[in-house]
N, C-alpha and C. Protein backbone atom coordinates (compact mmCIF):
# COMPACT_ATOMS: atom_id res chain seq x y z
N MET A 1 100.38 95.46 107.50
CA MET A 1 99.88 94.50 106.68
C MET A 1 98.42 94.28 107.42
N ALA A 2 97.40 94.15 106.33
CA ALA A 2 96.05 94.21 106.89
C ALA A 2 95.87 92.72 107.29
N ASP A 3 95.05 92.48 108.30
CA ASP A 3 94.28 91.10 108.82
C ASP A 3 93.20 90.83 107.94
N HIS A 4 93.20 89.70 106.93
CA HIS A 4 92.27 89.50 106.16
C HIS A 4 91.31 88.34 106.64
N ALA A 5 91.40 88.00 107.86
CA ALA A 5 90.72 86.68 108.56
C ALA A 5 89.01 86.95 108.37
N ASP A 6 88.61 88.24 108.69
CA ASP A 6 87.19 88.59 108.72
C ASP A 6 86.90 89.46 107.64
N ALA A 7 87.74 89.52 106.70
CA ALA A 7 87.39 90.63 105.47
C ALA A 7 86.41 89.92 104.63
N PRO A 8 85.49 90.51 104.18
CA PRO A 8 84.27 89.67 103.18
C PRO A 8 85.11 89.87 101.89
N ALA A 9 84.82 88.82 100.95
CA ALA A 9 85.45 88.71 99.82
C ALA A 9 84.80 89.66 98.77
N SER A 10 85.10 90.18 97.75
CA SER A 10 84.49 90.98 96.71
C SER A 10 83.51 90.21 96.07
N ASP A 11 82.55 90.87 95.76
CA ASP A 11 81.56 89.81 95.05
C ASP A 11 82.00 89.86 93.66
N ASP A 12 82.64 90.65 93.01
CA ASP A 12 83.27 90.64 91.65
C ASP A 12 84.50 89.73 91.33
N ASP A 13 85.23 89.37 92.17
CA ASP A 13 86.39 88.42 91.96
C ASP A 13 86.25 87.19 92.67
N PRO A 14 86.24 86.24 91.48
CA PRO A 14 85.84 84.86 92.07
C PRO A 14 87.27 84.21 92.85
N ILE A 15 88.54 84.87 92.29
CA ILE A 15 89.76 84.49 93.13
C ILE A 15 89.63 84.61 94.69
N LEU A 16 88.92 86.12 94.78
CA LEU A 16 88.96 86.45 96.25
C LEU A 16 87.94 85.46 96.87
N GLN A 17 86.73 85.12 96.26
CA GLN A 17 85.72 84.49 96.87
C GLN A 17 86.17 82.93 97.07
N GLN A 18 86.80 82.37 96.30
CA GLN A 18 87.50 81.16 96.51
C GLN A 18 88.57 81.19 97.67
N ARG A 19 89.44 82.08 97.75
CA ARG A 19 90.23 82.17 98.78
C ARG A 19 89.62 82.48 100.09
N ALA A 20 88.53 82.99 100.09
CA ALA A 20 87.85 83.23 101.62
C ALA A 20 87.11 81.92 101.78
N LEU A 21 86.86 80.92 100.82
CA LEU A 21 86.06 79.81 101.25
C LEU A 21 87.01 78.92 101.45
N ILE A 22 88.39 78.90 101.12
CA ILE A 22 89.56 78.10 101.73
C ILE A 22 89.90 78.42 102.86
N ARG A 23 90.11 79.66 103.35
CA ARG A 23 90.41 80.19 104.42
C ARG A 23 89.42 79.58 105.32
N ARG A 24 88.06 79.57 105.29
CA ARG A 24 86.84 79.40 106.25
C ARG A 24 87.20 77.78 106.46
N ARG A 25 87.48 76.93 105.40
CA ARG A 25 87.67 75.39 105.61
C ARG A 25 88.85 75.30 106.42
N ALA A 26 90.05 76.07 106.05
CA ALA A 26 91.33 75.68 106.88
C ALA A 26 90.85 76.23 108.24
N ASN A 27 90.33 77.10 108.42
CA ASN A 27 89.81 77.44 109.99
C ASN A 27 89.25 76.43 110.70
N SER A 28 88.14 75.93 110.06
CA SER A 28 87.22 74.95 110.53
C SER A 28 88.13 73.55 110.70
N ALA A 29 89.14 73.33 109.91
CA ALA A 29 89.95 72.22 110.09
C ALA A 29 90.94 72.44 111.27
N SER A 30 91.52 73.52 111.43
CA SER A 30 92.15 73.85 112.78
C SER A 30 91.33 73.66 113.76
N ARG A 31 90.30 73.64 113.78
CA ARG A 31 89.66 73.82 115.20
C ARG A 31 89.42 72.12 115.23
N VAL A 32 88.93 71.44 114.22
CA VAL A 32 88.86 70.07 114.36
C VAL A 32 90.14 69.16 114.96
N GLY A 33 91.36 69.81 114.34
CA GLY A 33 92.55 69.30 114.74
C GLY A 33 92.70 69.40 116.23
N TYR A 34 92.67 70.73 116.55
CA TYR A 34 92.88 71.12 118.24
C TYR A 34 91.79 70.11 118.97
N LEU A 35 90.54 70.21 118.41
CA LEU A 35 89.75 69.27 119.38
C LEU A 35 89.99 67.88 119.22
N CYS A 36 90.86 67.37 118.49
CA CYS A 36 91.46 65.79 118.38
C CYS A 36 92.40 65.86 119.24
N TYR A 37 93.19 66.93 119.52
CA TYR A 37 94.32 67.21 120.50
C TYR A 37 93.51 67.03 121.96
N LEU A 38 92.59 67.82 122.24
CA LEU A 38 91.94 68.21 123.20
C LEU A 38 91.37 66.77 123.88
N GLY A 39 90.68 66.10 122.77
CA GLY A 39 90.04 64.73 123.28
C GLY A 39 91.30 63.49 123.61
N ALA A 40 92.42 63.71 122.83
CA ALA A 40 93.49 62.74 123.04
C ALA A 40 94.07 63.29 124.56
N THR A 41 94.06 64.49 125.03
CA THR A 41 94.30 64.87 126.35
C THR A 41 93.64 64.49 127.38
N ILE A 42 92.16 64.46 126.98
CA ILE A 42 91.19 64.08 128.17
C ILE A 42 91.33 62.80 128.26
N GLY A 43 91.52 62.02 126.98
CA GLY A 43 91.77 60.44 127.22
C GLY A 43 92.82 60.09 127.95
N PHE A 44 93.85 60.77 127.85
CA PHE A 44 95.21 60.35 128.55
C PHE A 44 95.11 60.63 130.19
N PHE A 45 94.33 61.66 130.48
CA PHE A 45 93.83 62.02 132.15
C PHE A 45 92.73 61.01 132.57
N VAL A 46 91.76 60.56 131.77
CA VAL A 46 90.83 59.59 132.17
C VAL A 46 91.85 58.33 132.46
N GLY A 47 92.56 57.69 131.57
CA GLY A 47 93.57 56.40 131.43
C GLY A 47 94.36 56.86 132.93
N LEU A 48 94.98 57.85 132.98
CA LEU A 48 96.05 57.98 134.06
C LEU A 48 95.35 57.98 135.60
N PHE A 49 94.04 58.40 135.87
CA PHE A 49 93.71 58.19 137.07
C PHE A 49 92.51 57.06 137.18
N THR A 50 92.38 56.42 136.01
CA THR A 50 91.76 54.97 135.96
C THR A 50 92.85 53.70 135.68
N SER A 51 92.59 53.24 134.43
CA SER A 51 93.43 52.41 134.12
C SER A 51 93.56 52.59 132.39
N PHE A 52 94.61 52.40 131.75
CA PHE A 52 94.83 52.43 130.14
C PHE A 52 94.23 51.10 129.89
N SER A 53 93.35 51.01 129.14
CA SER A 53 92.92 49.97 128.42
C SER A 53 93.58 50.12 126.92
N THR A 54 93.48 48.85 126.28
CA THR A 54 93.91 48.83 124.90
C THR A 54 92.79 50.00 124.17
N GLY A 55 91.58 49.67 124.58
CA GLY A 55 90.85 50.46 123.43
C GLY A 55 91.13 52.08 123.71
N LEU A 56 91.45 52.22 124.99
CA LEU A 56 91.66 54.09 125.27
C LEU A 56 92.69 54.23 124.81
N ILE A 57 93.76 53.47 124.65
CA ILE A 57 95.19 53.93 124.23
C ILE A 57 95.03 53.74 122.73
N SER A 58 94.31 53.12 121.81
CA SER A 58 94.02 53.26 120.79
C SER A 58 92.91 54.65 120.31
N VAL A 59 92.27 55.06 121.07
CA VAL A 59 91.70 56.16 120.89
C VAL A 59 92.59 57.36 120.94
N ILE A 60 93.47 57.54 121.89
CA ILE A 60 94.27 58.56 122.09
C ILE A 60 95.24 58.48 121.05
N VAL A 61 96.04 57.37 120.60
CA VAL A 61 96.90 57.51 119.61
C VAL A 61 96.00 57.80 118.22
N GLY A 62 94.94 57.20 118.03
CA GLY A 62 94.08 57.64 116.75
C GLY A 62 93.73 59.21 116.58
N LEU A 63 93.48 59.86 117.94
CA LEU A 63 92.99 61.29 117.76
C LEU A 63 94.45 61.87 117.61
N LEU A 64 95.36 61.58 118.32
CA LEU A 64 96.56 62.50 117.86
C LEU A 64 97.05 62.33 116.41
N ILE A 65 97.11 60.96 115.91
CA ILE A 65 97.40 60.85 114.47
C ILE A 65 96.53 61.63 113.78
N VAL A 66 95.12 61.68 113.81
CA VAL A 66 94.35 62.30 113.06
C VAL A 66 94.46 63.85 112.94
N GLY A 67 94.72 64.52 114.38
CA GLY A 67 94.73 65.74 114.75
C GLY A 67 95.92 66.39 113.98
N SER A 68 97.00 65.53 114.09
CA SER A 68 98.36 66.17 113.54
C SER A 68 98.18 66.18 112.02
N ILE A 69 97.43 65.32 111.31
CA ILE A 69 97.53 65.32 109.73
C ILE A 69 96.45 66.67 109.46
N ILE A 70 95.48 66.41 110.29
CA ILE A 70 94.43 67.85 109.94
C ILE A 70 95.07 69.05 110.09
N LEU A 71 95.70 69.22 111.17
CA LEU A 71 96.64 70.32 111.56
C LEU A 71 97.72 70.83 110.49
N ALA A 72 98.38 69.49 110.15
CA ALA A 72 99.43 69.95 109.31
C ALA A 72 99.01 70.69 107.83
N ILE A 73 97.86 70.09 107.50
CA ILE A 73 97.31 70.55 106.11
C ILE A 73 96.89 71.82 106.33
N ALA A 74 95.89 71.99 107.52
CA ALA A 74 95.38 73.45 107.96
C ALA A 74 96.53 74.41 107.90
N ILE A 75 97.48 74.26 108.58
CA ILE A 75 98.40 75.20 108.85
C ILE A 75 99.20 75.39 107.37
N GLN A 76 99.33 74.50 106.59
CA GLN A 76 100.02 74.74 105.10
C GLN A 76 99.27 75.88 104.40
N VAL A 77 98.01 75.30 104.48
CA VAL A 77 96.81 76.06 103.66
C VAL A 77 96.72 77.41 104.10
N THR A 78 96.58 77.77 105.38
CA THR A 78 96.69 79.24 105.95
C THR A 78 97.96 79.86 105.64
N TYR A 79 99.40 79.22 105.81
CA TYR A 79 100.28 80.14 105.20
C TYR A 79 100.36 80.19 103.74
N ALA A 80 99.88 79.47 102.98
CA ALA A 80 99.75 79.64 101.57
C ALA A 80 98.81 81.04 101.25
N ILE A 81 97.69 80.70 101.86
CA ILE A 81 97.05 82.11 101.50
C ILE A 81 97.49 83.48 102.01
N ARG A 82 98.10 83.27 103.28
CA ARG A 82 98.69 84.67 103.62
C ARG A 82 100.00 85.09 102.45
N GLY A 83 100.60 83.87 102.07
CA GLY A 83 101.51 84.25 101.14
C GLY A 83 100.89 84.79 99.96
N ALA A 84 100.05 84.22 99.34
CA ALA A 84 99.37 84.84 98.24
C ALA A 84 98.70 86.20 98.45
N GLU A 85 98.20 86.77 99.68
CA GLU A 85 97.84 88.04 99.72
C GLU A 85 99.10 89.00 99.87
N ARG A 86 100.04 88.44 100.56
CA ARG A 86 101.62 89.12 100.61
C ARG A 86 101.78 89.52 99.12
N TRP A 87 101.97 88.60 98.42
CA TRP A 87 102.53 88.61 97.19
C TRP A 87 101.61 89.63 96.46
N GLU A 88 100.21 89.75 96.43
CA GLU A 88 99.31 90.26 95.56
C GLU A 88 99.66 92.05 96.17
N GLU A 89 99.59 92.17 97.37
CA GLU A 89 99.90 93.41 98.24
C GLU A 89 101.37 93.93 97.44
N ASP A 90 102.43 93.29 97.51
CA ASP A 90 103.51 93.46 96.94
C ASP A 90 103.48 94.27 95.67
N GLY A 91 102.74 93.21 94.82
CA GLY A 91 102.54 93.59 93.23
C GLY A 91 101.84 94.88 93.24
N ALA A 92 100.75 95.17 94.04
CA ALA A 92 100.03 96.23 93.97
C ALA A 92 101.00 97.43 94.31
N ALA A 93 101.86 97.51 95.53
CA ALA A 93 102.77 98.50 95.97
C ALA A 93 103.77 98.87 95.08
N GLN A 94 104.18 97.93 94.13
CA GLN A 94 105.19 98.09 93.08
C GLN A 94 104.54 99.01 91.83
N ARG A 95 103.30 98.32 91.42
CA ARG A 95 102.95 98.91 90.49
C ARG A 95 102.29 100.58 90.70
N ARG A 96 102.10 101.07 92.06
CA ARG A 96 101.84 102.33 92.64
C ARG A 96 103.11 103.19 92.25
N ARG A 97 104.32 102.38 92.58
CA ARG A 97 105.61 103.10 92.67
C ARG A 97 105.77 103.49 91.15
N ARG A 98 105.41 102.86 90.12
CA ARG A 98 105.65 103.01 88.90
C ARG A 98 105.25 104.29 88.50
């Protein structure tokens, strides 16, 4: 199966263009989600070596919640795009066999 992560979208097919746009947004959302986790981890270690204030705990929990929500959506969208590509490839292979 070919990796379509960096494949340019065809200029003719609006579906492929839309899918490429959604893939870029999902990749960006994944980066933001992981950055939220990184921020929460850094905040945890700052609190561990200093003191856990109420504000710091709120920031850590907020980053974990926001990161989890963003990542959950980005992962589902990524799998949906892969599934659509796999479905199209299977359909094309079946048409070639006929």
